[in-house]
Amino acid sequence: MRFFRVLLGSLLWLVAGVVGLLGVVLCVSIILLPVGIPLLMLARRLFRTAMALILPRAVVHPIEELGKKAPDVVSKGRAGRKKRKKLRKKATDKPGKAVDSAGKAVRKQRKKVPV
């Protein structure tokens, strides 16, 4: 089953590449621009679908896969609540924390520079 999904995903990826190339060629001509732009959008959707077929389900739908793991934790009282919080936090960790700490470092450096 996995082999066929990867095979179908790679063929769809090749089709998306051809459609995208055709869209770019049509966008070069001003007259055919209204045809080229929708072809580029179609190519983008085909690439997305191809990647969804190639990648494992846990990568494509992480929250749904987390939901499958969480029900065994649900009925365990306080310990279950703690585990659910940890799982939820892992699933929704934001990369913004790293950006915030980098922003702090930049602000500190800015304060040190004489104006």
PDB file of N, CA and C in Angstrom:
ATOM      1  N   MET A   1       0.827  -1.191   0.000  1.00  0.00           N
ATOM      2  CA  MET A   1       0.000   0.000   0.000  1.00  0.00           C
ATOM      3  C   MET A   1       0.876   1.263   0.000  1.00  0.00           C
ATOM      4  N   ARG A   2       1.887   1.256   0.853  1.00  0.00           N
ATOM      5  CA  ARG A   2       2.775   2.418   0.955  1.00  0.00           C
ATOM      6  C   ARG A   2       3.508   2.660  -0.371  1.00  0.00           C
ATOM      7  N   PHE A   3       3.917   1.565  -1.008  1.00  0.00           N
ATOM      8  CA  PHE A   3       4.633   1.680  -2.279  1.00  0.00           C
ATOM      9  C   PHE A   3       3.769   2.379  -3.328  1.00  0.00           C
ATOM     10  N   PHE A   4       2.496   2.006  -3.390  1.00  0.00           N
ATOM     11  CA  PHE A   4       1.610   2.596  -4.393  1.00  0.00           C
ATOM     12  C   PHE A   4       1.339   4.070  -4.099  1.00  0.00           C
ATOM     13  N   ARG A   5       1.256   4.415  -2.812  1.00  0.00           N
ATOM     14  CA  ARG A   5       1.062   5.832  -2.465  1.00  0.00           C
ATOM     15  C   ARG A   5       2.270   6.661  -2.901  1.00  0.00           C
ATOM     16  N   VAL A   6       3.452   6.150  -2.655  1.00  0.00           N
ATOM     17  CA  VAL A   6       4.673   6.870  -3.043  1.00  0.00           C
ATOM     18  C   VAL A   6       4.768   6.957  -4.562  1.00  0.00           C
ATOM     19  N   LEU A   7       4.427   5.863  -5.255  1.00  0.00           N
ATOM     20  CA  LEU A   7       4.460   5.869  -6.711  1.00  0.00           C
ATOM     21  C   LEU A   7       3.463   6.881  -7.278  1.00  0.00           C
ATOM     22  N   LEU A   8       2.241   6.873  -6.755  1.00  0.00           N
ATOM     23  CA  LEU A   8       1.233   7.830  -7.206  1.00  0.00           C
ATOM     24  C   LEU A   8       1.644   9.267  -6.874  1.00  0.00           C
ATOM     25  N   GLY A   9       2.230   9.470  -5.689  1.00  0.00           N
ATOM     26  CA  GLY A   9       2.702  10.797  -5.311  1.00  0.00           C
ATOM     27  C   GLY A   9       3.808  11.302  -6.217  1.00  0.00           C
ATOM     28  N   SER A  10       4.740  10.409  -6.593  1.00  0.00           N
ATOM     29  CA  SER A  10       5.816  10.862  -7.473  1.00  0.00           C
ATOM     30  C   SER A  10       5.311  11.165  -8.878  1.00  0.00           C
ATOM     31  N   LEU A  11       4.377  10.356  -9.372  1.00  0.00           N
ATOM     32  CA  LEU A  11       3.812  10.658 -10.686  1.00  0.00           C
ATOM     33  C   LEU A  11       3.034  11.974 -10.664  1.00  0.00           C
ATOM     34  N   LEU A  12       2.291  12.192  -9.588  1.00  0.00           N
ATOM     35  CA  LEU A  12       1.551  13.448  -9.456  1.00  0.00           C
ATOM     36  C   LEU A  12       2.511  14.630  -9.335  1.00  0.00           C
ATOM     37  N   TRP A  13       3.649  14.416  -8.670  1.00  0.00           N
ATOM     38  CA  TRP A  13       4.660  15.462  -8.541  1.00  0.00           C
ATOM     39  C   TRP A  13       5.225  15.825  -9.917  1.00  0.00           C
ATOM     40  N   LEU A  14       5.460  14.822 -10.753  1.00  0.00           N
ATOM     41  CA  LEU A  14       5.954  15.091 -12.109  1.00  0.00           C
ATOM     42  C   LEU A  14       4.917  15.843 -12.939  1.00  0.00           C
ATOM     43  N   VAL A  15       3.648  15.451 -12.815  1.00  0.00           N
ATOM     44  CA  VAL A  15       2.583  16.151 -13.537  1.00  0.00           C
ATOM     45  C   VAL A  15       2.502  17.599 -13.061  1.00  0.00           C
ATOM     46  N   ALA A  16       2.623  17.798 -11.760  1.00  0.00           N
ATOM     47  CA  ALA A  16       2.583  19.157 -11.220  1.00  0.00           C
ATOM     48  C   ALA A  16       3.744  19.992 -11.748  1.00  0.00           C
ATOM     49  N   GLY A  17       4.907  19.379 -11.884  1.00  0.00           N
ATOM     50  CA  GLY A  17       6.049  20.094 -12.440  1.00  0.00           C
ATOM     51  C   GLY A  17       5.816  20.524 -13.878  1.00  0.00           C
ATOM     52  N   VAL A  18       5.227  19.637 -14.665  1.00  0.00           N
ATOM     53  CA  VAL A  18       4.943  19.966 -16.071  1.00  0.00           C
ATOM     54  C   VAL A  18       3.886  21.069 -16.151  1.00  0.00           C
ATOM     55  N   VAL A  19       2.842  20.955 -15.334  1.00  0.00           N
ATOM     56  CA  VAL A  19       1.793  21.986 -15.328  1.00  0.00           C
ATOM     57  C   VAL A  19       2.370  23.325 -14.875  1.00  0.00           C
ATOM     58  N   GLY A  20       3.238  23.312 -13.870  1.00  0.00           N
ATOM     59  CA  GLY A  20       3.861  24.548 -13.407  1.00  0.00           C
ATOM     60  C   GLY A  20       4.751  25.169 -14.468  1.00  0.00           C
ATOM     61  N   LEU A  21       5.509  24.330 -15.171  1.00  0.00           N
ATOM     62  CA  LEU A  21       6.361  24.837 -16.243  1.00  0.00           C
ATOM     63  C   LEU A  21       5.520  25.449 -17.362  1.00  0.00           C
ATOM     64  N   LEU A  22       4.430  24.791 -17.699  1.00  0.00           N
ATOM     65  CA  LEU A  22       3.527  25.330 -18.714  1.00  0.00           C
ATOM     66  C   LEU A  22       2.931  26.659 -18.246  1.00  0.00           C
ATOM     67  N   GLY A  23       2.576  26.750 -16.972  1.00  0.00           N
ATOM     68  CA  GLY A  23       2.050  28.001 -16.431  1.00  0.00           C
ATOM     69  C   GLY A  23       3.055  29.131 -16.506  1.00  0.00           C
ATOM     70  N   VAL A  24       4.320  28.830 -16.207  1.00  0.00           N
ATOM     71  CA  VAL A  24       5.364  29.857 -16.280  1.00  0.00           C
ATOM     72  C   VAL A  24       5.559  30.322 -17.718  1.00  0.00           C
ATOM     73  N   VAL A  25       5.565  29.375 -18.650  1.00  0.00           N
ATOM     74  CA  VAL A  25       5.730  29.741 -20.064  1.00  0.00           C
ATOM     75  C   VAL A  25       4.565  30.608 -20.535  1.00  0.00           C
ATOM     76  N   LEU A  26       3.348  30.262 -20.111  1.00  0.00           N
ATOM     77  CA  LEU A  26       2.196  31.062 -20.510  1.00  0.00           C
ATOM     78  C   LEU A  26       2.200  32.438 -19.852  1.00  0.00           C
ATOM     79  N   CYS A  27       2.757  32.538 -18.654  1.00  0.00           N
ATOM     80  CA  CYS A  27       2.808  33.835 -17.973  1.00  0.00           C
ATOM     81  C   CYS A  27       3.794  34.798 -18.636  1.00  0.00           C
ATOM     82  N   VAL A  28       4.735  34.272 -19.387  1.00  0.00           N
ATOM     83  CA  VAL A  28       5.689  35.138 -20.087  1.00  0.00           C
ATOM     84  C   VAL A  28       4.962  35.997 -21.110  1.00  0.00           C
ATOM     85  N   SER A  29       3.978  35.418 -21.745  1.00  0.00           N
ATOM     86  CA  SER A  29       3.191  36.162 -22.732  1.00  0.00           C
ATOM     87  C   SER A  29       2.093  36.946 -22.019  1.00  0.00           C
ATOM     88  N   ILE A  30       2.031  38.231 -22.254  1.00  0.00           N
ATOM     89  CA  ILE A  30       1.028  39.089 -21.604  1.00  0.00           C
ATOM     90  C   ILE A  30      -0.387  38.657 -21.980  1.00  0.00           C
ATOM     91  N   ILE A  31      -0.577  38.213 -23.215  1.00  0.00           N
ATOM     92  CA  ILE A  31      -1.911  37.839 -23.691  1.00  0.00           C
ATOM     93  C   ILE A  31      -2.413  36.589 -22.967  1.00  0.00           C
ATOM     94  N   LEU A  32      -1.513  35.625 -22.703  1.00  0.00           N
ATOM     95  CA  LEU A  32      -1.908  34.369 -22.070  1.00  0.00           C
ATOM     96  C   LEU A  32      -1.739  34.372 -20.554  1.00  0.00           C
ATOM     97  N   LEU A  33      -1.475  35.519 -19.974  1.00  0.00           N
ATOM     98  CA  LEU A  33      -1.310  35.632 -18.523  1.00  0.00           C
ATOM     99  C   LEU A  33      -2.534  35.145 -17.748  1.00  0.00           C
ATOM    100  N   PRO A  34      -3.770  35.455 -18.177  1.00  0.00           N
ATOM    101  CA  PRO A  34      -4.930  34.952 -17.436  1.00  0.00           C
ATOM    102  C   PRO A  34      -5.065  33.431 -17.456  1.00  0.00           C
ATOM    103  N   VAL A  35      -4.395  32.756 -18.379  1.00  0.00           N
ATOM    104  CA  VAL A  35      -4.412  31.295 -18.404  1.00  0.00           C
ATOM    105  C   VAL A  35      -3.258  30.744 -17.564  1.00  0.00           C
ATOM    106  N   GLY A  36      -2.139  31.445 -17.570  1.00  0.00           N
ATOM    107  CA  GLY A  36      -0.946  30.975 -16.862  1.00  0.00           C
ATOM    108  C   GLY A  36      -1.072  31.018 -15.354  1.00  0.00           C
ATOM    109  N   ILE A  37      -1.699  32.048 -14.832  1.00  0.00           N
ATOM    110  CA  ILE A  37      -1.820  32.187 -13.372  1.00  0.00           C
ATOM    111  C   ILE A  37      -2.657  31.055 -12.767  1.00  0.00           C
ATOM    112  N   PRO A  38      -3.842  30.729 -13.317  1.00  0.00           N
ATOM    113  CA  PRO A  38      -4.578  29.585 -12.751  1.00  0.00           C
ATOM    114  C   PRO A  38      -3.830  28.256 -12.881  1.00  0.00           C
ATOM    115  N   LEU A  39      -3.032  28.111 -13.951  1.00  0.00           N
ATOM    116  CA  LEU A  39      -2.239  26.891 -14.082  1.00  0.00           C
ATOM    117  C   LEU A  39      -1.179  26.807 -12.987  1.00  0.00           C
ATOM    118  N   LEU A  40      -0.586  27.927 -12.635  1.00  0.00           N
ATOM    119  CA  LEU A  40       0.390  27.933 -11.538  1.00  0.00           C
ATOM    120  C   LEU A  40      -0.273  27.579 -10.208  1.00  0.00           C
ATOM    121  N   MET A  41      -1.490  28.086  -9.983  1.00  0.00           N
ATOM    122  CA  MET A  41      -2.205  27.751  -8.748  1.00  0.00           C
ATOM    123  C   MET A  41      -2.568  26.263  -8.718  1.00  0.00           C
ATOM    124  N   LEU A  42      -2.951  25.711  -9.871  1.00  0.00           N
ATOM    125  CA  LEU A  42      -3.255  24.288  -9.957  1.00  0.00           C
ATOM    126  C   LEU A  42      -1.997  23.465  -9.678  1.00  0.00           C
ATOM    127  N   ALA A  43      -0.875  23.896 -10.207  1.00  0.00           N
ATOM    128  CA  ALA A  43       0.386  23.187  -9.976  1.00  0.00           C
ATOM    129  C   ALA A  43       0.736  23.184  -8.492  1.00  0.00           C
ATOM    130  N   ARG A  44       0.497  24.312  -7.823  1.00  0.00           N
ATOM    131  CA  ARG A  44       0.773  24.381  -6.387  1.00  0.00           C
ATOM    132  C   ARG A  44      -0.076  23.380  -5.614  1.00  0.00           C
ATOM    133  N   ARG A  45      -1.369  23.285  -5.974  1.00  0.00           N
ATOM    134  CA  ARG A  45      -2.249  22.321  -5.301  1.00  0.00           C
ATOM    135  C   ARG A  45      -1.830  20.887  -5.600  1.00  0.00           C
ATOM    136  N   LEU A  46      -1.393  20.636  -6.835  1.00  0.00           N
ATOM    137  CA  LEU A  46      -0.937  19.292  -7.178  1.00  0.00           C
ATOM    138  C   LEU A  46       0.333  18.923  -6.412  1.00  0.00           C
ATOM    139  N   PHE A  47       1.253  19.878  -6.257  1.00  0.00           N
ATOM    140  CA  PHE A  47       2.452  19.627  -5.457  1.00  0.00           C
ATOM    141  C   PHE A  47       2.083  19.297  -4.014  1.00  0.00           C
ATOM    142  N   ARG A  48       1.142  20.049  -3.452  1.00  0.00           N
ATOM    143  CA  ARG A  48       0.719  19.823  -2.069  1.00  0.00           C
ATOM    144  C   ARG A  48       0.116  18.421  -1.917  1.00  0.00           C
ATOM    145  N   THR A  49      -0.723  18.028  -2.873  1.00  0.00           N
ATOM    146  CA  THR A  49      -1.344  16.705  -2.813  1.00  0.00           C
ATOM    147  C   THR A  49      -0.299  15.605  -2.976  1.00  0.00           C
ATOM    148  N   ALA A  50       0.656  15.823  -3.865  1.00  0.00           N
ATOM    149  CA  ALA A  50       1.713  14.837  -4.076  1.00  0.00           C
ATOM    150  C   ALA A  50       2.539  14.650  -2.804  1.00  0.00           C
ATOM    151  N   MET A  51       2.866  15.730  -2.136  1.00  0.00           N
ATOM    152  CA  MET A  51       3.632  15.621  -0.898  1.00  0.00           C
ATOM    153  C   MET A  51       2.823  14.943   0.198  1.00  0.00           C
ATOM    154  N   ALA A  52       1.518  15.192   0.225  1.00  0.00           N
ATOM    155  CA  ALA A  52       0.664  14.531   1.212  1.00  0.00           C
ATOM    156  C   ALA A  52       0.627  13.028   0.975  1.00  0.00           C
ATOM    157  N   LEU A  53       0.724  12.608  -0.276  1.00  0.00           N
ATOM    158  CA  LEU A  53       0.747  11.178  -0.582  1.00  0.00           C
ATOM    159  C   LEU A  53       2.094  10.550  -0.231  1.00  0.00           C
ATOM    160  N   ILE A  54       3.159  11.291  -0.411  1.00  0.00           N
ATOM    161  CA  ILE A  54       4.496  10.734  -0.195  1.00  0.00           C
ATOM    162  C   ILE A  54       4.855  10.683   1.292  1.00  0.00           C
ATOM    163  N   LEU A  55       4.550  11.733   2.023  1.00  0.00           N
ATOM    164  CA  LEU A  55       4.929  11.795   3.429  1.00  0.00           C
ATOM    165  C   LEU A  55       4.050  10.902   4.289  1.00  0.00           C
ATOM    166  N   PRO A  56       4.555  10.451   5.444  1.00  0.00           N
ATOM    167  CA  PRO A  56       3.726   9.647   6.351  1.00  0.00           C
ATOM    168  C   PRO A  56       2.559  10.464   6.908  1.00  0.00           C
ATOM    169  N   ARG A  57       1.501   9.781   7.284  1.00  0.00           N
ATOM    170  CA  ARG A  57       0.291  10.443   7.768  1.00  0.00           C
ATOM    171  C   ARG A  57       0.576  11.286   9.019  1.00  0.00           C
ATOM    172  N   ALA A  58       1.463  10.838   9.875  1.00  0.00           N
ATOM    173  CA  ALA A  58       1.762  11.579  11.102  1.00  0.00           C
ATOM    174  C   ALA A  58       2.389  12.933  10.803  1.00  0.00           C
ATOM    175  N   VAL A  59       3.058  13.055   9.673  1.00  0.00           N
ATOM    176  CA  VAL A  59       3.661  14.336   9.301  1.00  0.00           C
ATOM    177  C   VAL A  59       2.622  15.250   8.667  1.00  0.00           C
ATOM    178  N   VAL A  60       1.735  14.669   7.866  1.00  0.00           N
ATOM    179  CA  VAL A  60       0.739  15.462   7.150  1.00  0.00           C
ATOM    180  C   VAL A  60      -0.371  15.939   8.090  1.00  0.00           C
ATOM    181  N   HIS A  61      -0.819  15.068   9.019  1.00  0.00           N
ATOM    182  CA  HIS A  61      -1.902  15.403   9.948  1.00  0.00           C
ATOM    183  C   HIS A  61      -1.445  15.158  11.385  1.00  0.00           C
ATOM    184  N   PRO A  62      -0.568  15.997  11.939  1.00  0.00           N
ATOM    185  CA  PRO A  62      -0.024  15.704  13.275  1.00  0.00           C
ATOM    186  C   PRO A  62      -1.072  15.782  14.389  1.00  0.00           C
ATOM    187  N   ILE A  63      -2.013  16.695  14.300  1.00  0.00           N
ATOM    188  CA  ILE A  63      -2.995  16.844  15.365  1.00  0.00           C
ATOM    189  C   ILE A  63      -3.937  15.648  15.395  1.00  0.00           C
ATOM    190  N   GLU A  64      -4.339  15.156  14.232  1.00  0.00           N
ATOM    191  CA  GLU A  64      -5.216  13.985  14.193  1.00  0.00           C
ATOM    192  C   GLU A  64      -4.507  12.757  14.749  1.00  0.00           C
ATOM    193  N   GLU A  65      -3.233  12.607  14.451  1.00  0.00           N
ATOM    194  CA  GLU A  65      -2.485  11.465  14.980  1.00  0.00           C
ATOM    195  C   GLU A  65      -2.313  11.590  16.486  1.00  0.00           C
ATOM    196  N   LEU A  66      -2.157  12.804  16.974  1.00  0.00           N
ATOM    197  CA  LEU A  66      -2.068  13.016  18.413  1.00  0.00           C
ATOM    198  C   LEU A  66      -3.389  12.638  19.067  1.00  0.00           C
ATOM    199  N   GLY A  67      -4.502  12.965  18.406  1.00  0.00           N
ATOM    200  CA  GLY A  67      -5.813  12.622  18.938  1.00  0.00           C
ATOM    201  C   GLY A  67      -6.005  11.129  19.067  1.00  0.00           C
ATOM    202  N   LYS A  68      -5.366  10.347  18.211  1.00  0.00           N
ATOM    203  CA  LYS A  68      -5.462   8.892  18.303  1.00  0.00           C
ATOM    204  C   LYS A  68      -4.683   8.358  19.501  1.00  0.00           C
ATOM    205  N   LYS A  69      -3.628   9.048  19.887  1.00  0.00           N
ATOM    206  CA  LYS A  69      -2.820   8.604  21.017  1.00  0.00           C
ATOM    207  C   LYS A  69      -3.392   9.079  22.347  1.00  0.00           C
ATOM    208  N   ALA A  70      -4.115  10.176  22.330  1.00  0.00           N
ATOM    209  CA  ALA A  70      -4.588  10.785  23.572  1.00  0.00           C
ATOM    210  C   ALA A  70      -5.718  10.025  24.268  1.00  0.00           C
ATOM    211  N   PRO A  71      -6.652   9.327  23.599  1.00  0.00           N
ATOM    212  CA  PRO A  71      -7.757   8.701  24.321  1.00  0.00           C
ATOM    213  C   PRO A  71      -7.341   7.697  25.380  1.00  0.00           C
ATOM    214  N   ASP A  72      -6.207   6.999  25.228  1.00  0.00           N
ATOM    215  CA  ASP A  72      -5.793   6.065  26.265  1.00  0.00           C
ATOM    216  C   ASP A  72      -5.365   6.792  27.535  1.00  0.00           C
ATOM    217  N   VAL A  73      -5.133   8.074  27.456  1.00  0.00           N
ATOM    218  CA  VAL A  73      -4.718   8.863  28.603  1.00  0.00           C
ATOM    219  C   VAL A  73      -5.925   9.499  29.287  1.00  0.00           C
ATOM    220  N   VAL A  74      -7.036   9.588  28.589  1.00  0.00           N
ATOM    221  CA  VAL A  74      -8.171  10.379  29.042  1.00  0.00           C
ATOM    222  C   VAL A  74      -8.703   9.932  30.392  1.00  0.00           C
ATOM    223  N   SER A  75      -8.828   8.647  30.659  1.00  0.00           N
ATOM    224  CA  SER A  75      -9.534   8.194  31.848  1.00  0.00           C
ATOM    225  C   SER A  75      -8.630   7.974  33.053  1.00  0.00           C
ATOM    226  N   LYS A  76      -7.467   8.542  33.096  1.00  0.00           N
ATOM    227  CA  LYS A  76      -6.532   8.264  34.182  1.00  0.00           C
ATOM    228  C   LYS A  76      -6.431   9.388  35.199  1.00  0.00           C
ATOM    229  N   GLY A  77      -7.422  10.222  35.323  1.00  0.00           N
ATOM    230  CA  GLY A  77      -7.450  11.244  36.363  1.00  0.00           C
ATOM    231  C   GLY A  77      -6.392  12.305  36.209  1.00  0.00           C
ATOM    232  N   ARG A  78      -5.765  12.674  37.341  1.00  0.00           N
ATOM    233  CA  ARG A  78      -4.796  13.764  37.373  1.00  0.00           C
ATOM    234  C   ARG A  78      -3.583  13.465  36.500  1.00  0.00           C
ATOM    235  N   ALA A  79      -3.081  12.239  36.562  1.00  0.00           N
ATOM    236  CA  ALA A  79      -1.921  11.877  35.745  1.00  0.00           C
ATOM    237  C   ALA A  79      -2.270  11.987  34.260  1.00  0.00           C
ATOM    238  N   GLY A  80      -3.500  11.618  33.906  1.00  0.00           N
ATOM    239  CA  GLY A  80      -3.951  11.722  32.520  1.00  0.00           C
ATOM    240  C   GLY A  80      -4.004  13.163  32.059  1.00  0.00           C
ATOM    241  N   ARG A  81      -4.460  14.051  32.947  1.00  0.00           N
ATOM    242  CA  ARG A  81      -4.505  15.473  32.602  1.00  0.00           C
ATOM    243  C   ARG A  81      -3.110  16.007  32.326  1.00  0.00           C
ATOM    244  N   LYS A  82      -2.157  15.612  33.162  1.00  0.00           N
ATOM    245  CA  LYS A  82      -0.784  16.087  32.957  1.00  0.00           C
ATOM    246  C   LYS A  82      -0.222  15.584  31.625  1.00  0.00           C
ATOM    247  N   LYS A  83      -0.480  14.313  31.321  1.00  0.00           N
ATOM    248  CA  LYS A  83       0.014  13.771  30.060  1.00  0.00           C
ATOM    249  C   LYS A  83      -0.643  14.457  28.867  1.00  0.00           C
ATOM    250  N   ARG A  84      -1.956  14.715  28.975  1.00  0.00           N
ATOM    251  CA  ARG A  84      -2.655  15.394  27.883  1.00  0.00           C
ATOM    252  C   ARG A  84      -2.082  16.783  27.669  1.00  0.00           C
ATOM    253  N   LYS A  85      -1.806  17.496  28.766  1.00  0.00           N
ATOM    254  CA  LYS A  85      -1.232  18.844  28.635  1.00  0.00           C
ATOM    255  C   LYS A  85       0.126  18.777  27.929  1.00  0.00           C
ATOM    256  N   LYS A  86       0.945  17.782  28.321  1.00  0.00           N
ATOM    257  CA  LYS A  86       2.258  17.656  27.687  1.00  0.00           C
ATOM    258  C   LYS A  86       2.117  17.340  26.204  1.00  0.00           C
ATOM    259  N   LEU A  87       1.201  16.410  25.873  1.00  0.00           N
ATOM    260  CA  LEU A  87       0.996  16.066  24.467  1.00  0.00           C
ATOM    261  C   LEU A  87       0.489  17.255  23.674  1.00  0.00           C
ATOM    262  N   ARG A  88      -0.456  17.991  24.271  1.00  0.00           N
ATOM    263  CA  ARG A  88      -1.011  19.157  23.577  1.00  0.00           C
ATOM    264  C   ARG A  88       0.065  20.213  23.387  1.00  0.00           C
ATOM    265  N   LYS A  89       0.899  20.396  24.416  1.00  0.00           N
ATOM    266  CA  LYS A  89       1.954  21.407  24.311  1.00  0.00           C
ATOM    267  C   LYS A  89       2.960  21.022  23.235  1.00  0.00           C
ATOM    268  N   LYS A  90       3.284  19.729  23.150  1.00  0.00           N
ATOM    269  CA  LYS A  90       4.196  19.275  22.100  1.00  0.00           C
ATOM    270  C   LYS A  90       3.612  19.532  20.724  1.00  0.00           C
ATOM    271  N   ALA A  91       2.301  19.313  20.599  1.00  0.00           N
ATOM    272  CA  ALA A  91       1.669  19.456  19.287  1.00  0.00           C
ATOM    273  C   ALA A  91       1.553  20.905  18.867  1.00  0.00           C
ATOM    274  N   THR A  92       1.435  21.809  19.822  1.00  0.00           N
ATOM    275  CA  THR A  92       1.195  23.207  19.470  1.00  0.00           C
ATOM    276  C   THR A  92       2.366  24.110  19.817  1.00  0.00           C
ATOM    277  N   ASP A  93       3.551  23.526  20.043  1.00  0.00           N
ATOM    278  CA  ASP A  93       4.714  24.373  20.318  1.00  0.00           C
ATOM    279  C   ASP A  93       4.921  25.351  19.186  1.00  0.00           C
ATOM    280  N   LYS A  94       5.157  26.578  19.555  1.00  0.00           N
ATOM    281  CA  LYS A  94       5.289  27.628  18.548  1.00  0.00           C
ATOM    282  C   LYS A  94       6.759  27.969  18.352  1.00  0.00           C
ATOM    283  N   PRO A  95       7.166  28.163  17.120  1.00  0.00           N
ATOM    284  CA  PRO A  95       8.540  28.587  16.896  1.00  0.00           C
ATOM    285  C   PRO A  95       8.754  30.034  17.320  1.00  0.00           C
ATOM    286  N   GLY A  96       7.688  30.718  17.717  1.00  0.00           N
ATOM    287  CA  GLY A  96       7.781  32.115  18.118  1.00  0.00           C
ATOM    288  C   GLY A  96       8.641  32.327  19.349  1.00  0.00           C
ATOM    289  N   LYS A  97       8.762  31.278  20.187  1.00  0.00           N
ATOM    290  CA  LYS A  97       9.583  31.407  21.387  1.00  0.00           C
ATOM    291  C   LYS A  97      11.030  31.703  21.028  1.00  0.00           C
ATOM    292  N   ALA A  98      11.535  30.987  20.044  1.00  0.00           N
ATOM    293  CA  ALA A  98      12.914  31.209  19.613  1.00  0.00           C
ATOM    294  C   ALA A  98      13.062  32.602  19.020  1.00  0.00           C
ATOM    295  N   VAL A  99      12.052  33.036  18.291  1.00  0.00           N
ATOM    296  CA  VAL A  99      12.086  34.366  17.697  1.00  0.00           C
ATOM    297  C   VAL A  99      12.063  35.423  18.788  1.00  0.00           C
ATOM    298  N   ASP A 100      11.236  35.208  19.832  1.00  0.00           N
ATOM    299  CA  ASP A 100      11.175  36.160  20.928  1.00  0.00           C
ATOM    300  C   ASP A 100      12.509  36.278  21.647  1.00  0.00           C
ATOM    301  N   SER A 101      13.173  35.145  21.908  1.00  0.00           N
ATOM    302  CA  SER A 101      14.453  35.210  22.606  1.00  0.00           C
ATOM    303  C   SER A 101      15.507  35.882  21.722  1.00  0.00           C
ATOM    304  N   ALA A 102      15.442  35.631  20.407  1.00  0.00           N
ATOM    305  CA  ALA A 102      16.384  36.296  19.509  1.00  0.00           C
ATOM    306  C   ALA A 102      16.107  37.798  19.484  1.00  0.00           C
ATOM    307  N   GLY A 103      14.822  38.160  19.521  1.00  0.00           N
ATOM    308  CA  GLY A 103      14.457  39.574  19.549  1.00  0.00           C
ATOM    309  C   GLY A 103      14.970  40.259  20.805  1.00  0.00           C
ATOM    310  N   LYS A 104      14.920  39.545  21.941  1.00  0.00           N
ATOM    311  CA  LYS A 104      15.441  40.101  23.191  1.00  0.00           C
ATOM    312  C   LYS A 104      16.936  40.378  23.075  1.00  0.00           C
ATOM    313  N   ALA A 105      17.647  39.423  22.489  1.00  0.00           N
ATOM    314  CA  ALA A 105      19.092  39.592  22.342  1.00  0.00           C
ATOM    315  C   ALA A 105      19.403  40.791  21.460  1.00  0.00           C
ATOM    316  N   VAL A 106      18.645  40.963  20.406  1.00  0.00           N
ATOM    317  CA  VAL A 106      18.867  42.103  19.508  1.00  0.00           C
ATOM    318  C   VAL A 106      18.582  43.409  20.241  1.00  0.00           C
ATOM    319  N   ARG A 107      17.505  43.450  21.026  1.00  0.00           N
ATOM    320  CA  ARG A 107      17.183  44.680  21.770  1.00  0.00           C
ATOM    321  C   ARG A 107      18.276  45.015  22.781  1.00  0.00           C
ATOM    322  N   LYS A 108      18.826  43.989  23.437  1.00  0.00           N
ATOM    323  CA  LYS A 108      19.911  44.240  24.395  1.00  0.00           C
ATOM    324  C   LYS A 108      21.136  44.816  23.683  1.00  0.00           C
ATOM    325  N   GLN A 109      21.459  44.255  22.523  1.00  0.00           N
ATOM    326  CA  GLN A 109      22.599  44.756  21.761  1.00  0.00           C
ATOM    327  C   GLN A 109      22.359  46.190  21.310  1.00  0.00           C
ATOM    328  N   ARG A 110      21.126  46.486  20.945  1.00  0.00           N
ATOM    329  CA  ARG A 110      20.778  47.834  20.487  1.00  0.00           C
ATOM    330  C   ARG A 110      20.976  48.840  21.613  1.00  0.00           C
ATOM    331  N   LYS A 111      20.640  48.447  22.840  1.00  0.00           N
ATOM    332  CA  LYS A 111      20.799  49.344  23.979  1.00  0.00           C
ATOM    333  C   LYS A 111      22.264  49.637  24.255  1.00  0.00           C
ATOM    334  N   LYS A 112      23.128  48.658  23.985  1.00  0.00           N
ATOM    335  CA  LYS A 112      24.543  48.841  24.249  1.00  0.00           C
ATOM    336  C   LYS A 112      25.229  49.758  23.240  1.00  0.00           C
ATOM    337  N   VAL A 113      24.672  49.860  22.038  1.00  0.00           N
ATOM    338  CA  VAL A 113      25.275  50.681  20.983  1.00  0.00           C
ATOM    339  C   VAL A 113      24.991  52.150  21.269  1.00  0.00           C
ATOM    340  N   PRO A 114      26.019  52.990  21.346  1.00  0.00           N
ATOM    341  CA  PRO A 114      25.784  54.427  21.578  1.00  0.00           C
ATOM    342  C   PRO A 114      25.184  55.089  20.344  1.00  0.00           C
ATOM    343  N   VAL A 115      24.238  55.962  20.587  1.00  0.00           N
ATOM    344  CA  VAL A 115      23.558  56.633  19.483  1.00  0.00           C
ATOM    345  C   VAL A 115      24.187  57.953  19.153  1.00  0.00           C
TER     346      VAL A 115
END
